[in-house]
Amino acid sequence: MQPSFKPTGYNSLSPYLIIDNAQALINFLVKIFDAKELRRYDRPDGKIMHTELSIDDSVIMISDSSDQWPANKTMLHVYVKDVFETFDRAVALGFEVIERPISKHGDPDVRGSFYDNAGNFWSVSTQMDVDERR
């Protein structure tokens, strides 16, 4: 049997965040999304060279910024089981509110958004029937 071209359980496309204070974001992602660390490689100075986290069925890769690899910001979208609960956990951890979860006309998703500690824009949503929406 030929080995797979990617690790078992990994998706083909994974966002990669290069940020300042990667460990703080990892700690938040564990609390907000129940993220699980899959692999991790640290630099000799203790900073994170590379780590991979699973969030539900997806993998996100994160590293600390360096002189060679400066921090950058991006936007991420995550479907979650309960958008209200997930959003409230993020806000309780100090993430900056962009928009509280709402349902917009014609969109089956209830969506909220916030900035993380590194300035990345996170959108979280849950697809709901009209009767389930708050």
N, C-alpha and C. Protein backbone atom coordinates (compact mmCIF):
# COMPACT_ATOMS: atom_id res chain seq x y z
N MET A 1 0.84 -1.18 0.00
CA MET A 1 0.00 0.00 0.00
C MET A 1 0.89 1.25 0.00
N GLN A 2 0.56 2.17 -0.87
CA GLN A 2 1.34 3.41 -0.98
C GLN A 2 0.96 4.37 0.15
N PRO A 3 1.97 4.99 0.81
CA PRO A 3 1.65 5.94 1.88
C PRO A 3 0.89 7.15 1.35
N SER A 4 0.08 7.73 2.21
CA SER A 4 -0.71 8.90 1.83
C SER A 4 0.21 10.11 1.65
N PHE A 5 -0.21 11.03 0.85
CA PHE A 5 0.56 12.25 0.63
C PHE A 5 0.38 13.26 1.75
N LYS A 6 -0.48 12.96 2.73
CA LYS A 6 -0.70 13.86 3.87
C LYS A 6 -1.00 13.02 5.11
N PRO A 7 -0.81 13.60 6.29
CA PRO A 7 -1.09 12.84 7.51
C PRO A 7 -2.57 12.47 7.61
N THR A 8 -2.84 11.33 8.20
CA THR A 8 -4.21 10.87 8.42
C THR A 8 -4.97 11.90 9.24
N GLY A 9 -6.18 12.23 8.81
CA GLY A 9 -7.03 13.18 9.53
C GLY A 9 -6.78 14.63 9.19
N TYR A 10 -5.82 14.91 8.32
CA TYR A 10 -5.53 16.30 7.93
C TYR A 10 -6.34 16.67 6.69
N ASN A 11 -6.72 17.94 6.60
CA ASN A 11 -7.37 18.43 5.41
C ASN A 11 -6.29 18.87 4.41
N SER A 12 -6.65 19.09 3.17
CA SER A 12 -5.67 19.45 2.16
C SER A 12 -5.22 20.91 2.27
N LEU A 13 -6.07 21.77 2.77
CA LEU A 13 -5.74 23.19 2.88
C LEU A 13 -5.84 23.61 4.34
N SER A 14 -4.76 24.15 4.87
CA SER A 14 -4.75 24.60 6.26
C SER A 14 -4.26 26.04 6.34
N PRO A 15 -4.98 26.89 7.07
CA PRO A 15 -4.47 28.24 7.28
C PRO A 15 -3.20 28.18 8.13
N TYR A 16 -2.28 29.10 7.87
CA TYR A 16 -1.02 29.16 8.62
C TYR A 16 -0.87 30.58 9.15
N LEU A 17 -0.88 30.71 10.48
CA LEU A 17 -0.76 32.02 11.11
C LEU A 17 0.65 32.20 11.65
N ILE A 18 1.29 33.29 11.27
CA ILE A 18 2.57 33.69 11.85
C ILE A 18 2.25 34.93 12.67
N ILE A 19 2.41 34.80 14.00
CA ILE A 19 1.96 35.86 14.89
C ILE A 19 2.95 36.08 16.03
N ASP A 20 2.79 37.20 16.71
CA ASP A 20 3.49 37.45 17.95
C ASP A 20 2.74 36.72 19.06
N ASN A 21 3.46 36.10 19.97
CA ASN A 21 2.89 35.40 21.12
C ASN A 21 1.93 34.28 20.70
N ALA A 22 2.47 33.35 19.94
CA ALA A 22 1.67 32.23 19.44
C ALA A 22 1.07 31.40 20.57
N GLN A 23 1.82 31.22 21.66
CA GLN A 23 1.31 30.39 22.76
C GLN A 23 0.02 30.96 23.33
N ALA A 24 -0.08 32.28 23.42
CA ALA A 24 -1.31 32.88 23.94
C ALA A 24 -2.50 32.53 23.04
N LEU A 25 -2.32 32.62 21.73
CA LEU A 25 -3.42 32.27 20.82
C LEU A 25 -3.75 30.79 20.94
N ILE A 26 -2.75 29.94 21.04
CA ILE A 26 -3.01 28.50 21.19
C ILE A 26 -3.85 28.26 22.44
N ASN A 27 -3.48 28.88 23.54
CA ASN A 27 -4.25 28.73 24.78
C ASN A 27 -5.70 29.15 24.58
N PHE A 28 -5.91 30.26 23.86
CA PHE A 28 -7.27 30.73 23.59
C PHE A 28 -8.03 29.74 22.72
N LEU A 29 -7.38 29.23 21.67
CA LEU A 29 -8.07 28.31 20.76
C LEU A 29 -8.48 27.02 21.46
N VAL A 30 -7.69 26.58 22.42
CA VAL A 30 -8.06 25.41 23.21
C VAL A 30 -9.33 25.72 24.00
N LYS A 31 -9.39 26.90 24.60
CA LYS A 31 -10.55 27.27 25.43
C LYS A 31 -11.79 27.60 24.60
N ILE A 32 -11.61 28.21 23.45
CA ILE A 32 -12.74 28.63 22.63
C ILE A 32 -13.28 27.49 21.77
N PHE A 33 -12.38 26.77 21.10
CA PHE A 33 -12.79 25.76 20.12
C PHE A 33 -12.44 24.33 20.53
N ASP A 34 -11.93 24.12 21.74
CA ASP A 34 -11.48 22.81 22.19
C ASP A 34 -10.42 22.25 21.23
N ALA A 35 -9.53 23.14 20.76
CA ALA A 35 -8.46 22.74 19.84
C ALA A 35 -7.54 21.73 20.50
N LYS A 36 -7.00 20.83 19.69
CA LYS A 36 -6.07 19.81 20.16
C LYS A 36 -4.75 19.96 19.40
N GLU A 37 -3.65 19.98 20.16
CA GLU A 37 -2.34 20.09 19.51
C GLU A 37 -1.95 18.75 18.92
N LEU A 38 -1.59 18.75 17.63
CA LEU A 38 -1.22 17.53 16.92
C LEU A 38 0.30 17.35 16.86
N ARG A 39 0.99 18.43 16.53
CA ARG A 39 2.46 18.41 16.45
C ARG A 39 2.98 19.76 16.87
N ARG A 40 4.23 19.77 17.37
CA ARG A 40 4.82 21.03 17.79
C ARG A 40 6.34 20.93 17.74
N TYR A 41 6.94 22.01 17.23
CA TYR A 41 8.40 22.12 17.17
C TYR A 41 8.77 23.51 17.68
N ASP A 42 9.59 23.53 18.72
CA ASP A 42 10.02 24.80 19.31
C ASP A 42 11.42 25.16 18.83
N ARG A 43 11.69 26.46 18.80
CA ARG A 43 13.04 26.95 18.49
C ARG A 43 13.90 26.83 19.75
N PRO A 44 15.20 26.91 19.60
CA PRO A 44 16.08 26.86 20.79
C PRO A 44 15.77 27.95 21.82
N ASP A 45 15.23 29.10 21.36
CA ASP A 45 14.91 30.18 22.31
C ASP A 45 13.55 29.98 23.00
N GLY A 46 12.89 28.85 22.73
CA GLY A 46 11.62 28.54 23.38
C GLY A 46 10.39 29.00 22.61
N LYS A 47 10.58 29.83 21.59
CA LYS A 47 9.44 30.28 20.78
C LYS A 47 8.98 29.13 19.89
N ILE A 48 7.75 29.23 19.45
CA ILE A 48 7.16 28.17 18.61
C ILE A 48 7.61 28.33 17.17
N MET A 49 8.31 27.33 16.67
CA MET A 49 8.72 27.32 15.27
C MET A 49 7.54 26.88 14.39
N HIS A 50 6.79 25.88 14.89
CA HIS A 50 5.67 25.35 14.11
C HIS A 50 4.81 24.50 15.03
N THR A 51 3.52 24.70 14.97
CA THR A 51 2.59 23.82 15.67
C THR A 51 1.36 23.62 14.80
N GLU A 52 0.72 22.50 15.00
CA GLU A 52 -0.50 22.17 14.25
C GLU A 52 -1.58 21.83 15.26
N LEU A 53 -2.74 22.44 15.11
CA LEU A 53 -3.88 22.23 15.99
C LEU A 53 -5.06 21.73 15.17
N SER A 54 -5.83 20.82 15.76
CA SER A 54 -7.08 20.43 15.11
C SER A 54 -8.22 21.18 15.78
N ILE A 55 -9.09 21.72 14.95
CA ILE A 55 -10.33 22.34 15.39
C ILE A 55 -11.42 21.63 14.60
N ASP A 56 -12.15 20.77 15.29
CA ASP A 56 -13.16 19.92 14.67
C ASP A 56 -12.49 19.10 13.57
N ASP A 57 -12.89 19.28 12.31
CA ASP A 57 -12.33 18.48 11.22
C ASP A 57 -11.25 19.21 10.43
N SER A 58 -10.73 20.30 10.99
CA SER A 58 -9.74 21.12 10.27
C SER A 58 -8.45 21.24 11.07
N VAL A 59 -7.38 21.57 10.36
CA VAL A 59 -6.08 21.78 10.98
C VAL A 59 -5.64 23.20 10.70
N ILE A 60 -5.15 23.87 11.76
CA ILE A 60 -4.59 25.21 11.63
C ILE A 60 -3.14 25.13 12.08
N MET A 61 -2.28 25.83 11.38
CA MET A 61 -0.86 25.83 11.70
C MET A 61 -0.48 27.23 12.19
N ILE A 62 0.39 27.26 13.21
CA ILE A 62 0.73 28.53 13.85
C ILE A 62 2.22 28.53 14.19
N SER A 63 2.84 29.70 14.08
CA SER A 63 4.21 29.86 14.55
C SER A 63 4.39 31.27 15.09
N ASP A 64 5.40 31.41 15.95
CA ASP A 64 5.78 32.75 16.42
C ASP A 64 6.48 33.48 15.29
N SER A 65 6.29 34.77 15.24
CA SER A 65 6.97 35.59 14.25
C SER A 65 8.47 35.65 14.58
N SER A 66 9.25 36.06 13.59
CA SER A 66 10.69 36.22 13.77
C SER A 66 11.15 37.31 12.82
N ASP A 67 12.43 37.61 12.85
CA ASP A 67 12.95 38.61 11.90
C ASP A 67 12.76 38.14 10.47
N GLN A 68 12.94 36.85 10.25
CA GLN A 68 12.79 36.28 8.91
C GLN A 68 11.32 36.15 8.50
N TRP A 69 10.44 35.88 9.48
CA TRP A 69 9.03 35.65 9.21
C TRP A 69 8.20 36.58 10.08
N PRO A 70 7.92 37.80 9.60
CA PRO A 70 7.15 38.75 10.42
C PRO A 70 5.69 38.34 10.58
N ALA A 71 5.08 38.86 11.65
CA ALA A 71 3.66 38.59 11.92
C ALA A 71 2.81 39.13 10.79
N ASN A 72 1.71 38.45 10.53
CA ASN A 72 0.73 38.92 9.55
C ASN A 72 -0.66 38.66 10.10
N LYS A 73 -1.63 39.29 9.52
CA LYS A 73 -3.02 39.13 9.97
C LYS A 73 -3.86 38.56 8.84
N THR A 74 -4.92 37.87 9.23
CA THR A 74 -5.80 37.27 8.24
C THR A 74 -7.22 37.19 8.79
N MET A 75 -8.12 36.66 7.99
CA MET A 75 -9.50 36.42 8.40
C MET A 75 -9.75 34.92 8.30
N LEU A 76 -10.42 34.39 9.32
CA LEU A 76 -10.75 32.97 9.35
C LEU A 76 -12.23 32.80 9.64
N HIS A 77 -12.82 31.75 9.09
CA HIS A 77 -14.21 31.43 9.34
C HIS A 77 -14.29 30.02 9.87
N VAL A 78 -15.07 29.82 10.95
CA VAL A 78 -15.22 28.50 11.55
C VAL A 78 -16.70 28.24 11.80
N TYR A 79 -17.20 27.10 11.29
CA TYR A 79 -18.53 26.65 11.66
C TYR A 79 -18.43 25.94 13.00
N VAL A 80 -19.32 26.27 13.91
CA VAL A 80 -19.33 25.70 15.26
C VAL A 80 -20.73 25.21 15.59
N LYS A 81 -20.83 24.33 16.59
CA LYS A 81 -22.14 23.78 16.96
C LYS A 81 -23.06 24.84 17.55
N ASP A 82 -22.50 25.76 18.34
CA ASP A 82 -23.31 26.80 18.98
C ASP A 82 -22.59 28.13 18.88
N VAL A 83 -22.98 28.93 17.91
CA VAL A 83 -22.32 30.21 17.66
C VAL A 83 -22.39 31.14 18.87
N PHE A 84 -23.48 31.11 19.59
CA PHE A 84 -23.64 32.01 20.74
C PHE A 84 -22.67 31.62 21.86
N GLU A 85 -22.59 30.33 22.15
CA GLU A 85 -21.69 29.85 23.20
C GLU A 85 -20.23 30.11 22.83
N THR A 86 -19.85 29.80 21.59
CA THR A 86 -18.48 30.02 21.14
C THR A 86 -18.11 31.50 21.18
N PHE A 87 -19.00 32.33 20.68
CA PHE A 87 -18.76 33.77 20.68
C PHE A 87 -18.60 34.28 22.10
N ASP A 88 -19.49 33.86 23.00
CA ASP A 88 -19.42 34.31 24.39
C ASP A 88 -18.12 33.88 25.06
N ARG A 89 -17.62 32.68 24.74
CA ARG A 89 -16.33 32.24 25.31
C ARG A 89 -15.20 33.15 24.82
N ALA A 90 -15.21 33.49 23.55
CA ALA A 90 -14.17 34.36 23.00
C ALA A 90 -14.19 35.74 23.66
N VAL A 91 -15.36 36.28 23.82
CA VAL A 91 -15.50 37.61 24.44
C VAL A 91 -15.08 37.55 25.91
N ALA A 92 -15.45 36.49 26.61
CA ALA A 92 -15.07 36.33 28.02
C ALA A 92 -13.56 36.24 28.17
N LEU A 93 -12.87 35.76 27.15
CA LEU A 93 -11.41 35.66 27.19
C LEU A 93 -10.74 36.97 26.77
N GLY A 94 -11.55 37.98 26.46
CA GLY A 94 -11.00 39.29 26.14
C GLY A 94 -10.86 39.62 24.67
N PHE A 95 -11.36 38.77 23.80
CA PHE A 95 -11.28 39.08 22.38
C PHE A 95 -12.22 40.24 22.05
N GLU A 96 -11.79 41.06 21.11
CA GLU A 96 -12.54 42.28 20.75
C GLU A 96 -13.71 41.95 19.83
N VAL A 97 -14.88 42.39 20.23
CA VAL A 97 -16.10 42.16 19.45
C VAL A 97 -16.06 42.98 18.17
N ILE A 98 -16.34 42.33 17.06
CA ILE A 98 -16.57 43.03 15.79
C ILE A 98 -18.08 43.11 15.58
N GLU A 99 -18.74 41.95 15.65
CA GLU A 99 -20.19 41.91 15.50
C GLU A 99 -20.74 40.73 16.29
N ARG A 100 -21.73 40.99 17.12
CA ARG A 100 -22.37 39.93 17.89
C ARG A 100 -23.13 39.01 16.93
N PRO A 101 -23.33 37.75 17.28
CA PRO A 101 -24.02 36.82 16.38
C PRO A 101 -25.40 37.33 15.99
N ILE A 102 -25.61 37.38 14.70
CA ILE A 102 -26.91 37.79 14.15
C ILE A 102 -27.22 36.97 12.92
N SER A 103 -28.48 36.97 12.57
CA SER A 103 -28.94 36.33 11.35
C SER A 103 -29.33 37.44 10.38
N LYS A 104 -28.73 37.41 9.21
CA LYS A 104 -29.06 38.41 8.19
C LYS A 104 -30.03 37.81 7.19
N HIS A 105 -30.92 38.62 6.68
CA HIS A 105 -31.95 38.18 5.75
C HIS A 105 -31.34 37.37 4.60
N GLY A 106 -31.88 36.20 4.37
CA GLY A 106 -31.46 35.35 3.27
C GLY A 106 -30.25 34.47 3.57
N ASP A 107 -29.63 34.64 4.73
CA ASP A 107 -28.46 33.84 5.10
C ASP A 107 -28.88 32.81 6.13
N PRO A 108 -28.71 31.52 5.86
CA PRO A 108 -29.12 30.50 6.84
C PRO A 108 -28.19 30.42 8.05
N ASP A 109 -27.06 31.14 8.00
CA ASP A 109 -26.12 31.12 9.12
C ASP A 109 -26.41 32.23 10.11
N VAL A 110 -26.20 31.94 11.39
CA VAL A 110 -26.13 32.97 12.41
C VAL A 110 -24.64 33.16 12.63
N ARG A 111 -24.16 34.40 12.46
CA ARG A 111 -22.73 34.65 12.40
C ARG A 111 -22.34 35.78 13.34
N GLY A 112 -21.21 35.59 14.03
CA GLY A 112 -20.61 36.63 14.85
C GLY A 112 -19.13 36.71 14.54
N SER A 113 -18.49 37.81 14.94
CA SER A 113 -17.07 37.95 14.62
C SER A 113 -16.33 38.72 15.71
N PHE A 114 -15.05 38.44 15.81
CA PHE A 114 -14.19 39.06 16.81
C PHE A 114 -12.75 39.06 16.33
N TYR A 115 -11.92 39.91 16.97
CA TYR A 115 -10.48 39.91 16.74
C TYR A 115 -9.79 39.13 17.85
N ASP A 116 -8.79 38.32 17.50
CA ASP A 116 -8.02 37.61 18.51
C ASP A 116 -6.90 38.50 19.05
N ASN A 117 -6.07 37.95 19.92
CA ASN A 117 -5.00 38.71 20.54
C ASN A 117 -3.93 39.17 19.56
N ALA A 118 -3.87 38.56 18.39
CA ALA A 118 -2.89 38.92 17.37
C ALA A 118 -3.48 39.82 16.29
N GLY A 119 -4.76 40.16 16.42
CA GLY A 119 -5.41 41.04 15.44
C GLY A 119 -6.04 40.32 14.27
N ASN A 120 -6.11 38.99 14.31
CA ASN A 120 -6.79 38.24 13.26
C ASN A 120 -8.30 38.35 13.43
N PHE A 121 -9.00 38.39 12.33
CA PHE A 121 -10.46 38.50 12.28
C PHE A 121 -11.02 37.09 12.23
N TRP A 122 -11.82 36.71 13.23
CA TRP A 122 -12.47 35.41 13.28
C TRP A 122 -13.97 35.59 13.09
N SER A 123 -14.54 34.81 12.20
CA SER A 123 -15.98 34.76 12.01
C SER A 123 -16.41 33.36 12.42
N VAL A 124 -17.40 33.29 13.32
CA VAL A 124 -17.93 32.00 13.74
C VAL A 124 -19.40 31.95 13.38
N SER A 125 -19.85 30.80 12.94
CA SER A 125 -21.26 30.71 12.57
C SER A 125 -21.80 29.31 12.74
N THR A 126 -23.12 29.27 12.85
CA THR A 126 -23.87 28.02 12.94
C THR A 126 -25.04 28.15 11.98
N GLN A 127 -25.22 27.16 11.15
CA GLN A 127 -26.39 27.17 10.26
C GLN A 127 -27.58 26.68 11.08
N MET A 128 -28.66 27.45 11.05
CA MET A 128 -29.82 27.15 11.88
C MET A 128 -31.12 27.28 11.10
N ASP A 129 -32.11 26.54 11.58
CA ASP A 129 -33.47 26.76 11.08
C ASP A 129 -33.95 28.08 11.66
N VAL A 130 -34.89 28.70 11.02
CA VAL A 130 -35.42 29.97 11.49
C VAL A 130 -35.91 29.87 12.94
N ASP A 131 -36.52 28.76 13.31
CA ASP A 131 -37.08 28.60 14.67
C ASP A 131 -36.01 28.48 15.75
N GLU A 132 -34.78 28.13 15.39
CA GLU A 132 -33.71 27.93 16.37
C GLU A 132 -33.00 29.24 16.73
N ARG A 133 -33.18 30.26 15.95
CA ARG A 133 -32.42 31.49 16.13
C ARG A 133 -32.92 32.28 17.34
N ARG A 134 -32.00 32.93 18.02
CA ARG A 134 -32.37 33.74 19.19
C ARG A 134 -32.94 35.07 18.78
